[in-house]
Amino acid sequence: MSALPYRTALVVGTGPGISASLVRALSAAGLKVAAAARDVGKLESLAQETGAALFTADATDPAAVARLFEEVEARVGVPEIVVYNPSGRIRGPIVDLDPDEVRRAIEVSAFGGFLVVQQAAKRLEPLGRGAILLTGATASVKGFAGSSTFAIGKFGLRGLAQSAARELAPKGIHVAHFVIDGAVRSAVRPDPRDRPDSTLDPDAIAQSYLAVLAQPRSAWTWEIELRPWVEPF
C-alpha cells in the first residue's frame, strides 16, 4: 500500500525526464497513474513498465483539457494528485522574437497550467482533499537575458501556484510549486566529466515530489527549491 494519502494521479506533459520519473515513483507507491502528452507514442515503453494509462491532450486547449479529465475520471478515477510539467521556451533577443511563437510558449508554460489547475480544482474541491503540483524552474524567480519568454511563462506559473495555494489549501487541497534550479540529468545530457553530480537526477527530483505529497497538512509547504549540492549559489 502507498504511504501517500492518495490513490490516483495524473501527470500532464509526460516526457522522458522529471515526469517519467514521477510516473515510475507514483506507480511504485501503489497509485493508479494516468500520463498525458500531446504525443503518447513516445510513452509506450513507460506505460508497459509502470502500468500507467496513457491519454492524448493539448494542455493549451480548454476543450481538450476538460475532455482529458473526463477520460481520466472514467478510466482511472478522479485524479487526487495532478502534476503540471509542460513548459514552452524560445531563446533569443527580445527584438528578434516572433510574437506568435512567444504567445504559444507562454500558453504552454502558464495558460495550460491554469486550465489544468481549474479542472483539478473542480473535482478536488467537492472531495475536500487532493494535491496539485506545478513544475517550475530557475526562470520562475529570476529572468535571464535571451530567455524572456521562458521567464514570462514560469513567473506566471509560479503566481498561479501561489494564488491557488492560498485559495485551495483551506479547502484541503495541497498546492505546491517546485523550482528546478539547474540542469536535469538525462541520457543526452549526462554530468560533465569535470563536474560529477552537478546536474539534478530526475529520480531524486521525483522523490522530493513524493516527500511533499506525504507532508501532514499541519505543515504544508507551497514551494520547494531543488538544486545540485555542488552548485554555488
Protein backbone atom coordinates (compact mmCIF):
# COMPACT_ATOMS: atom_id res chain seq x y z
CA MET A 1 0.00 0.00 0.00
CA SER A 2 1.06 3.58 -0.60
CA ALA A 3 2.33 5.72 2.27
CA LEU A 4 0.78 8.68 0.46
CA PRO A 5 -2.76 9.77 1.38
CA TYR A 6 -3.83 9.50 -2.28
CA ARG A 7 -4.89 6.71 -4.64
CA THR A 8 -4.80 8.18 -8.15
CA ALA A 9 -2.60 10.61 -10.08
CA LEU A 10 -2.48 12.44 -13.40
CA VAL A 11 0.82 13.70 -14.83
CA VAL A 12 0.28 16.24 -17.61
CA GLY A 13 3.12 16.82 -20.05
CA THR A 14 4.80 13.46 -19.59
CA GLY A 15 8.17 13.07 -21.27
CA PRO A 16 11.46 11.26 -20.66
CA GLY A 17 12.70 13.36 -17.71
CA ILE A 18 11.13 14.52 -14.45
CA SER A 19 7.62 13.47 -15.46
CA ALA A 20 8.64 9.92 -16.41
CA SER A 21 10.44 9.56 -13.08
CA LEU A 22 7.28 10.80 -11.35
CA VAL A 23 5.14 8.24 -13.17
CA ARG A 24 7.52 5.49 -12.04
CA ALA A 25 7.66 6.73 -8.44
CA LEU A 26 3.90 7.18 -8.09
CA SER A 27 3.23 3.79 -9.65
CA ALA A 28 5.78 2.16 -7.34
CA ALA A 29 3.99 3.81 -4.41
CA GLY A 30 0.84 1.92 -5.36
CA LEU A 31 -1.14 4.66 -7.09
CA LYS A 32 -3.11 4.33 -10.30
CA VAL A 33 -1.37 6.75 -12.66
CA ALA A 34 -2.54 8.49 -15.83
CA ALA A 35 0.12 10.01 -18.10
CA ALA A 36 -0.88 12.66 -20.63
CA ALA A 37 1.06 14.17 -23.53
CA ARG A 38 0.47 15.55 -27.00
CA ASP A 39 2.31 12.54 -28.43
CA VAL A 40 1.75 9.39 -26.37
CA GLY A 41 3.58 7.18 -28.85
CA LYS A 42 6.82 8.01 -27.05
CA LEU A 43 5.31 6.79 -23.77
CA GLU A 44 4.50 3.19 -24.73
CA SER A 45 7.56 1.71 -23.01
CA LEU A 46 6.85 3.77 -19.87
CA ALA A 47 3.27 2.50 -19.83
CA GLN A 48 4.44 -1.10 -20.18
CA GLU A 49 6.97 -0.61 -17.39
CA THR A 50 4.62 1.08 -14.92
CA GLY A 51 1.09 0.13 -15.95
CA ALA A 52 0.23 3.82 -16.40
CA ALA A 53 -2.78 4.67 -18.55
CA LEU A 54 -1.96 6.96 -21.49
CA PHE A 55 -4.01 9.95 -22.66
CA THR A 56 -3.51 12.37 -25.53
CA ALA A 57 -4.13 16.05 -24.84
CA ASP A 58 -3.01 19.56 -25.79
CA ALA A 59 -2.71 21.35 -22.45
CA THR A 60 -3.31 24.76 -24.07
CA ASP A 61 -6.75 23.82 -25.44
CA PRO A 62 -9.57 24.34 -22.88
CA ALA A 63 -11.83 21.75 -24.51
CA ALA A 64 -9.01 19.21 -24.72
CA VAL A 65 -8.11 19.67 -21.05
CA ALA A 66 -11.72 19.28 -19.95
CA ARG A 67 -12.00 16.15 -22.09
CA LEU A 68 -8.75 14.80 -20.63
CA PHE A 69 -10.10 15.00 -17.08
CA GLU A 70 -13.36 13.36 -18.12
CA GLU A 71 -11.48 10.48 -19.77
CA VAL A 72 -9.12 10.04 -16.82
CA GLU A 73 -12.05 10.05 -14.41
CA ALA A 74 -13.81 7.36 -16.48
CA ARG A 75 -10.78 5.07 -16.81
CA VAL A 76 -8.69 5.68 -13.67
CA GLY A 77 -10.92 7.61 -11.31
CA VAL A 78 -10.81 11.21 -10.11
CA PRO A 79 -7.09 12.12 -10.07
CA GLU A 80 -6.33 13.01 -6.47
CA ILE A 81 -2.84 14.17 -7.46
CA VAL A 82 -2.45 16.37 -10.53
CA VAL A 83 1.01 17.34 -11.79
CA TYR A 84 1.62 20.00 -14.45
CA ASN A 85 5.01 19.63 -16.13
CA PRO A 86 4.93 21.24 -19.63
CA SER A 87 6.87 24.39 -20.48
CA GLY A 88 7.49 26.49 -23.58
CA ARG A 89 10.86 28.03 -24.31
CA ILE A 90 12.13 30.30 -27.06
CA ARG A 91 15.63 31.72 -26.87
CA GLY A 92 16.83 34.96 -28.40
CA PRO A 93 16.93 38.75 -28.05
CA ILE A 94 13.57 40.36 -27.36
CA VAL A 95 13.73 42.39 -30.59
CA ASP A 96 14.12 39.23 -32.68
CA LEU A 97 11.37 37.06 -31.18
CA ASP A 98 8.32 36.11 -33.22
CA PRO A 99 5.20 37.28 -31.30
CA ASP A 100 3.16 34.23 -32.31
CA GLU A 101 5.87 31.86 -31.08
CA VAL A 102 6.11 33.85 -27.84
CA ARG A 103 2.35 33.60 -27.32
CA ARG A 104 2.43 29.84 -27.90
CA ALA A 105 5.31 29.33 -25.46
CA ILE A 106 3.57 31.34 -22.73
CA GLU A 107 0.37 29.40 -23.31
CA VAL A 108 2.26 26.13 -22.75
CA SER A 109 4.05 27.29 -19.59
CA ALA A 110 1.32 29.31 -17.89
CA PHE A 111 -2.12 29.21 -19.55
CA GLY A 112 -2.05 25.42 -19.78
CA GLY A 113 -1.21 25.33 -16.10
CA PHE A 114 -4.29 27.42 -15.34
CA LEU A 115 -6.53 25.13 -17.39
CA VAL A 116 -5.24 22.03 -15.61
CA VAL A 117 -5.47 23.61 -12.16
CA GLN A 118 -9.02 24.74 -12.91
CA GLN A 119 -10.19 21.27 -13.94
CA ALA A 120 -8.40 19.69 -10.99
CA ALA A 121 -9.95 22.14 -8.52
CA LYS A 122 -13.45 21.47 -9.88
CA ARG A 123 -13.03 17.80 -8.97
CA LEU A 124 -11.00 18.08 -5.78
CA GLU A 125 -12.99 20.79 -4.01
CA PRO A 126 -16.04 18.51 -3.57
CA LEU A 127 -13.71 15.82 -2.18
CA GLY A 128 -12.10 18.21 0.28
CA ARG A 129 -8.70 16.65 -0.43
CA GLY A 130 -6.06 16.24 -3.10
CA ALA A 131 -2.82 17.76 -4.36
CA ILE A 132 -1.80 19.89 -7.32
CA LEU A 133 1.92 20.11 -8.13
CA LEU A 134 3.42 22.56 -10.64
CA THR A 135 6.92 22.22 -12.08
CA GLY A 136 8.82 25.49 -12.22
CA ALA A 137 12.41 26.46 -12.99
CA THR A 138 15.14 28.93 -12.11
CA ALA A 139 13.29 31.23 -14.51
CA SER A 140 10.32 31.19 -12.12
CA VAL A 141 12.20 33.56 -9.82
CA LYS A 142 14.96 35.05 -11.99
CA GLY A 143 14.85 36.16 -15.61
CA PHE A 144 17.90 35.78 -17.84
CA ALA A 145 18.96 37.67 -20.95
CA GLY A 146 17.82 35.88 -24.08
CA SER A 147 15.22 33.90 -22.15
CA SER A 148 12.40 36.42 -21.64
CA THR A 149 9.64 34.14 -22.94
CA PHE A 150 10.57 31.32 -20.57
CA ALA A 151 10.68 33.78 -17.67
CA ILE A 152 7.24 35.20 -18.52
CA GLY A 153 5.71 31.73 -18.61
CA LYS A 154 7.40 30.42 -15.49
CA PHE A 155 6.78 33.61 -13.47
CA GLY A 156 3.12 33.25 -14.45
CA LEU A 157 3.01 29.61 -13.38
CA ARG A 158 4.56 30.49 -10.02
CA GLY A 159 2.00 33.24 -9.49
CA LEU A 160 -0.75 30.77 -10.30
CA ALA A 161 0.68 28.32 -7.76
CA GLN A 162 0.87 30.97 -5.05
CA SER A 163 -2.71 32.15 -5.63
CA ALA A 164 -4.06 28.62 -5.93
CA ALA A 165 -2.33 27.54 -2.73
CA ARG A 166 -3.93 30.37 -0.77
CA GLU A 167 -7.33 29.69 -2.30
CA LEU A 168 -7.38 25.89 -2.24
CA ALA A 169 -5.30 24.89 0.80
CA PRO A 170 -8.08 25.91 3.24
CA LYS A 171 -10.31 23.56 1.23
CA GLY A 172 -7.99 20.60 1.83
CA ILE A 173 -6.09 20.74 -1.47
CA HIS A 174 -2.30 20.87 -1.22
CA VAL A 175 -0.83 23.08 -3.97
CA ALA A 176 2.96 23.13 -4.34
CA HIS A 177 5.38 24.71 -6.80
CA PHE A 178 8.83 23.22 -7.48
CA VAL A 179 11.71 25.44 -8.54
CA ILE A 180 14.02 23.14 -10.51
CA ASP A 181 17.16 25.24 -10.18
CA GLY A 182 19.64 23.59 -12.52
CA ALA A 183 20.03 21.23 -15.45
CA VAL A 184 18.25 17.88 -15.25
CA ARG A 185 20.37 14.81 -15.98
CA SER A 186 19.45 12.63 -18.95
CA ALA A 187 20.95 10.19 -21.42
CA VAL A 188 21.64 13.05 -23.83
CA ARG A 189 22.76 15.42 -21.06
CA PRO A 190 24.90 13.47 -18.57
CA ASP A 191 27.06 15.04 -15.88
CA PRO A 192 30.18 16.72 -17.31
CA ARG A 193 33.27 14.64 -16.61
CA ASP A 194 34.92 17.55 -14.82
CA ARG A 195 31.80 18.22 -12.68
CA PRO A 196 30.32 14.94 -11.49
CA ASP A 197 26.98 15.14 -9.69
CA SER A 198 26.43 18.68 -10.98
CA THR A 199 23.04 18.03 -12.56
CA LEU A 200 19.75 17.09 -10.92
CA ASP A 201 18.86 13.39 -11.01
CA PRO A 202 15.20 13.16 -12.20
CA ASP A 203 14.59 10.17 -9.92
CA ALA A 204 15.80 12.22 -6.94
CA ILE A 205 13.52 15.07 -8.01
CA ALA A 206 10.59 12.66 -8.08
CA GLN A 207 11.36 11.53 -4.54
CA SER A 208 11.18 15.17 -3.40
CA TYR A 209 7.75 15.48 -5.03
CA LEU A 210 6.60 12.40 -3.11
CA ALA A 211 8.05 13.80 0.12
CA VAL A 212 5.95 16.94 -0.31
CA LEU A 213 2.88 14.82 -1.04
CA ALA A 214 3.44 12.97 2.23
CA GLN A 215 3.55 16.15 4.34
CA PRO A 216 0.99 16.37 7.16
CA ARG A 217 -1.42 19.18 6.40
CA SER A 218 -0.49 20.95 9.64
CA ALA A 219 2.88 21.70 7.99
CA TRP A 220 2.34 22.01 4.23
CA THR A 221 4.78 23.87 2.01
CA TRP A 222 3.62 25.73 -1.10
CA GLU A 223 7.09 25.88 -2.68
CA ILE A 224 10.36 23.97 -2.66
CA GLU A 225 13.63 24.67 -4.47
CA LEU A 226 15.79 21.80 -5.73
CA ARG A 227 19.39 22.24 -6.87
CA PRO A 228 22.60 20.16 -7.08
CA TRP A 229 24.57 20.19 -3.84
CA VAL A 230 27.78 21.25 -5.65
CA GLU A 231 26.22 24.27 -7.40
CA PRO A 232 27.34 27.63 -5.96
CA PHE A 233 24.54 29.99 -5.00
